[in-house]
Amino acid sequence: MTGLRTRQKADRKRRILKASMLLFRRSGYRHVRIEDIAEVAEVSVGTVYNYYATKGDILIAIVAMEVEEVLAAGETLLATPPSGMRDALQALINHYYDHSLNYLSKEMWRAAMALSIEAPLTPNGVLYHQLDERLRAQVQALLASGQAQGEIDPRLDSDALGDLLFNSLNMMFVEFVSDDAMTLEALKSRLSRQLDAMTRVWTHATA
């Protein structure tokens, strides 16, 4: 019975999240009601509230699902990175960007970012920040591995370098989701130019 209840609970959460993604994309996050989500998920309104206290909780749960998948793929890439630090970084960050619209629209990202900024000390704000920090740590870990392989000057602080790169890629992502006309290819092209510039810096340092 315990196994059955666990599967039923997981199925209900999956249906709620799937319905929410559909409605948020179709109607816009701010226009969707919990009642709408319950109807599409074929559960009661009370059941939705049993799992998620607010609509914001549902949105951040979708963000978390997206980021967890990205992090898992990032760990695989870190285990066997492409040859060359610049190409490895491009591959890692391109994966972040390519996956970003699998579950969320740009409007949904804007709403999630607003939630994390407006209430940074709430559980939603804390979770969003924690997810960001785990992505930052992956970038730093990749740079540290490049430094260990002699591609980056050992005198450079790889964590600080990772901070600079992550803050830049994060800001470019904010600009991307803020501009409905901007394409993923345009975003990745900007990233490529920045990586070219950074590579020249750390390559020059080791010369």
Protein backbone atom coordinates (compact mmCIF):
# COMPACT_ATOMS: atom_id res chain seq x y z
CA MET A 1 0.00 0.00 0.00
CA THR A 2 2.82 2.41 0.80
CA GLY A 3 4.31 1.90 -2.66
CA LEU A 4 0.93 2.49 -4.28
CA ARG A 5 0.36 5.71 -2.33
CA THR A 6 3.83 6.92 -3.28
CA ARG A 7 3.14 6.27 -6.98
CA GLN A 8 -0.24 7.96 -6.76
CA LYS A 9 1.30 11.00 -5.08
CA ALA A 10 4.03 11.21 -7.74
CA ASP A 11 1.41 10.88 -10.49
CA ARG A 12 -0.71 13.67 -9.05
CA LYS A 13 2.32 15.98 -8.77
CA ARG A 14 3.33 15.14 -12.33
CA ARG A 15 -0.17 15.93 -13.60
CA ILE A 16 -0.27 19.22 -11.68
CA LEU A 17 3.11 20.32 -13.05
CA LYS A 18 2.25 19.21 -16.59
CA ALA A 19 -1.07 21.08 -16.48
CA SER A 20 0.63 24.15 -15.04
CA MET A 21 3.29 24.20 -17.77
CA LEU A 22 0.61 23.93 -20.44
CA LEU A 23 -1.53 26.71 -18.97
CA PHE A 24 1.34 29.04 -18.06
CA ARG A 25 2.65 28.81 -21.63
CA ARG A 26 -0.78 29.20 -23.22
CA SER A 27 -2.32 31.90 -21.06
CA GLY A 28 0.60 33.48 -19.19
CA TYR A 29 1.58 32.77 -15.61
CA ARG A 30 -0.28 35.71 -14.07
CA HIS A 31 -3.57 34.88 -15.78
CA VAL A 32 -3.79 31.25 -14.66
CA ARG A 33 -5.75 30.33 -11.54
CA ILE A 34 -5.25 27.34 -9.27
CA GLU A 35 -8.77 26.29 -10.27
CA ASP A 36 -7.70 26.19 -13.92
CA ILE A 37 -4.72 24.00 -13.05
CA ALA A 38 -6.87 21.61 -11.02
CA GLU A 39 -9.35 21.24 -13.87
CA VAL A 40 -6.70 20.42 -16.49
CA ALA A 41 -4.82 18.11 -14.09
CA GLU A 42 -8.11 16.37 -13.22
CA VAL A 43 -7.63 16.79 -9.49
CA SER A 44 -9.47 18.83 -6.89
CA VAL A 45 -8.38 22.33 -5.96
CA GLY A 46 -7.66 21.00 -2.48
CA THR A 47 -5.31 18.41 -3.92
CA VAL A 48 -3.31 21.13 -5.69
CA TYR A 49 -3.02 23.01 -2.40
CA ASN A 50 -1.94 19.84 -0.63
CA TYR A 51 1.20 19.85 -2.78
CA TYR A 52 1.72 23.54 -3.51
CA ALA A 53 0.68 26.36 -1.19
CA THR A 54 0.82 29.02 -3.91
CA LYS A 55 0.99 29.36 -7.68
CA GLY A 56 4.54 30.62 -7.16
CA ASP A 57 5.42 27.30 -5.53
CA ILE A 58 4.33 25.53 -8.69
CA LEU A 59 6.37 27.83 -10.91
CA ILE A 60 9.53 27.41 -8.84
CA ALA A 61 8.96 23.62 -8.81
CA ILE A 62 9.01 23.74 -12.61
CA VAL A 63 12.22 25.79 -12.53
CA ALA A 64 13.74 23.25 -10.13
CA MET A 65 12.78 20.36 -12.40
CA GLU A 66 14.42 22.11 -15.34
CA VAL A 67 17.61 22.99 -13.45
CA GLU A 68 17.97 19.52 -11.92
CA GLU A 69 18.00 18.01 -15.40
CA VAL A 70 20.54 20.58 -16.56
CA LEU A 71 22.75 19.90 -13.55
CA ALA A 72 22.64 16.14 -14.14
CA ALA A 73 23.72 16.58 -17.76
CA GLY A 74 26.39 19.04 -16.62
CA GLU A 75 27.85 16.47 -14.26
CA THR A 76 28.14 14.03 -17.15
CA LEU A 77 29.94 16.65 -19.22
CA LEU A 78 32.29 17.47 -16.34
CA ALA A 79 33.20 13.78 -16.07
CA THR A 80 34.22 13.64 -19.76
CA PRO A 81 34.61 17.23 -20.98
CA PRO A 82 35.33 18.06 -24.63
CA SER A 83 38.99 18.70 -25.44
CA GLY A 84 40.01 22.28 -24.72
CA MET A 85 38.66 24.48 -21.95
CA ARG A 86 37.03 27.01 -24.24
CA ASP A 87 35.04 24.32 -26.09
CA ALA A 88 34.15 22.58 -22.83
CA LEU A 89 32.75 25.81 -21.40
CA GLN A 90 30.82 26.50 -24.60
CA ALA A 91 29.32 23.00 -24.47
CA LEU A 92 28.33 23.31 -20.82
CA ILE A 93 26.75 26.75 -21.09
CA ASN A 94 25.10 26.02 -24.43
CA HIS A 95 23.42 23.08 -22.71
CA TYR A 96 22.14 25.42 -19.99
CA TYR A 97 20.73 27.75 -22.62
CA ASP A 98 19.35 25.06 -24.96
CA HIS A 99 17.45 23.39 -22.12
CA SER A 100 16.10 26.62 -20.67
CA LEU A 101 12.91 26.71 -22.73
CA ASN A 102 12.05 23.01 -22.48
CA TYR A 103 9.63 23.57 -19.61
CA LEU A 104 9.42 27.33 -19.24
CA SER A 105 8.55 30.17 -21.58
CA LYS A 106 10.39 33.47 -21.40
CA GLU A 107 7.38 34.93 -19.57
CA MET A 108 7.55 32.15 -17.00
CA TRP A 109 11.26 32.81 -16.45
CA ARG A 110 10.54 36.50 -15.90
CA ALA A 111 7.88 35.64 -13.32
CA ALA A 112 10.22 33.20 -11.54
CA MET A 113 13.02 35.74 -11.45
CA ALA A 114 10.64 38.35 -10.08
CA LEU A 115 9.54 35.97 -7.32
CA SER A 116 13.16 35.31 -6.32
CA ILE A 117 14.01 39.03 -6.27
CA GLU A 118 10.85 40.27 -4.55
CA ALA A 119 11.04 37.73 -1.72
CA PRO A 120 14.60 36.36 -1.52
CA LEU A 121 14.19 34.96 2.01
CA THR A 122 11.06 32.93 1.29
CA PRO A 123 11.43 29.22 0.51
CA ASN A 124 10.95 30.00 -3.19
CA GLY A 125 13.59 32.72 -3.14
CA VAL A 126 16.04 30.54 -1.25
CA LEU A 127 15.50 27.56 -3.59
CA TYR A 128 15.99 29.71 -6.70
CA HIS A 129 19.23 31.06 -5.25
CA GLN A 130 20.42 27.57 -4.32
CA LEU A 131 19.82 26.33 -7.87
CA ASP A 132 21.78 29.28 -9.23
CA GLU A 133 24.65 28.51 -6.87
CA ARG A 134 24.79 24.88 -8.00
CA LEU A 135 25.05 26.03 -11.62
CA ARG A 136 27.78 28.47 -10.61
CA ALA A 137 29.65 25.66 -8.88
CA GLN A 138 29.62 23.59 -12.09
CA VAL A 139 31.20 26.43 -14.06
CA GLN A 140 33.81 26.90 -11.33
CA ALA A 141 34.54 23.16 -11.24
CA LEU A 142 35.10 23.06 -14.99
CA LEU A 143 37.48 26.00 -14.82
CA ALA A 144 39.34 24.39 -11.91
CA SER A 145 39.80 21.23 -13.98
CA GLY A 146 41.17 23.32 -16.83
CA GLN A 147 43.59 24.97 -14.46
CA ALA A 148 44.71 21.58 -13.16
CA GLN A 149 45.41 20.54 -16.77
CA GLY A 150 47.57 23.60 -17.34
CA GLU A 151 45.17 25.48 -19.63
CA ILE A 152 44.68 28.33 -17.16
CA ASP A 153 47.42 30.24 -15.36
CA PRO A 154 47.77 28.74 -11.84
CA ARG A 155 48.15 32.26 -10.48
CA LEU A 156 44.56 33.04 -11.42
CA ASP A 157 41.75 32.46 -8.91
CA SER A 158 39.59 29.92 -10.78
CA ASP A 159 36.64 30.45 -8.40
CA ALA A 160 36.71 34.20 -9.03
CA LEU A 161 37.03 33.54 -12.75
CA GLY A 162 34.02 31.24 -12.50
CA ASP A 163 32.10 33.98 -10.69
CA LEU A 164 32.84 36.43 -13.49
CA LEU A 165 31.81 33.99 -16.19
CA PHE A 166 28.68 32.79 -14.40
CA ASN A 167 27.53 36.33 -13.60
CA SER A 168 28.02 37.24 -17.24
CA LEU A 169 26.19 34.22 -18.65
CA ASN A 170 23.40 34.76 -16.10
CA MET A 171 23.02 38.43 -17.06
CA MET A 172 22.93 37.50 -20.75
CA PHE A 173 20.19 34.99 -19.93
CA VAL A 174 18.20 37.69 -18.11
CA GLU A 175 18.48 39.88 -21.21
CA PHE A 176 17.44 36.92 -23.38
CA VAL A 177 14.24 36.18 -21.44
CA SER A 178 13.48 39.91 -21.23
CA ASP A 179 13.47 40.21 -25.04
CA ASP A 180 10.85 38.02 -26.72
CA ALA A 181 12.45 38.64 -30.13
CA MET A 182 15.94 37.46 -29.14
CA THR A 183 16.79 33.97 -30.38
CA LEU A 184 18.82 31.25 -28.70
CA GLU A 185 21.33 31.47 -31.54
CA ALA A 186 21.84 35.17 -30.84
CA LEU A 187 22.35 34.42 -27.16
CA LYS A 188 24.88 31.68 -27.87
CA SER A 189 26.70 33.93 -30.33
CA ARG A 190 27.16 36.53 -27.58
CA LEU A 191 28.44 33.81 -25.28
CA SER A 192 30.92 32.65 -27.93
CA ARG A 193 32.39 36.14 -28.28
CA GLN A 194 32.79 36.46 -24.52
CA LEU A 195 34.48 33.07 -24.26
CA ASP A 196 36.87 34.06 -27.05
CA ALA A 197 37.83 37.18 -25.09
CA MET A 198 38.24 35.31 -21.81
CA THR A 199 40.29 32.57 -23.46
CA ARG A 200 42.72 35.18 -24.78
CA VAL A 201 43.11 36.51 -21.25
CA TRP A 202 43.94 33.22 -19.57
CA THR A 203 46.00 31.99 -22.55
CA HIS A 204 48.03 35.19 -22.53
CA ALA A 205 48.54 34.80 -18.79
CA THR A 206 50.13 31.38 -19.28
CA ALA A 207 52.37 32.51 -22.13
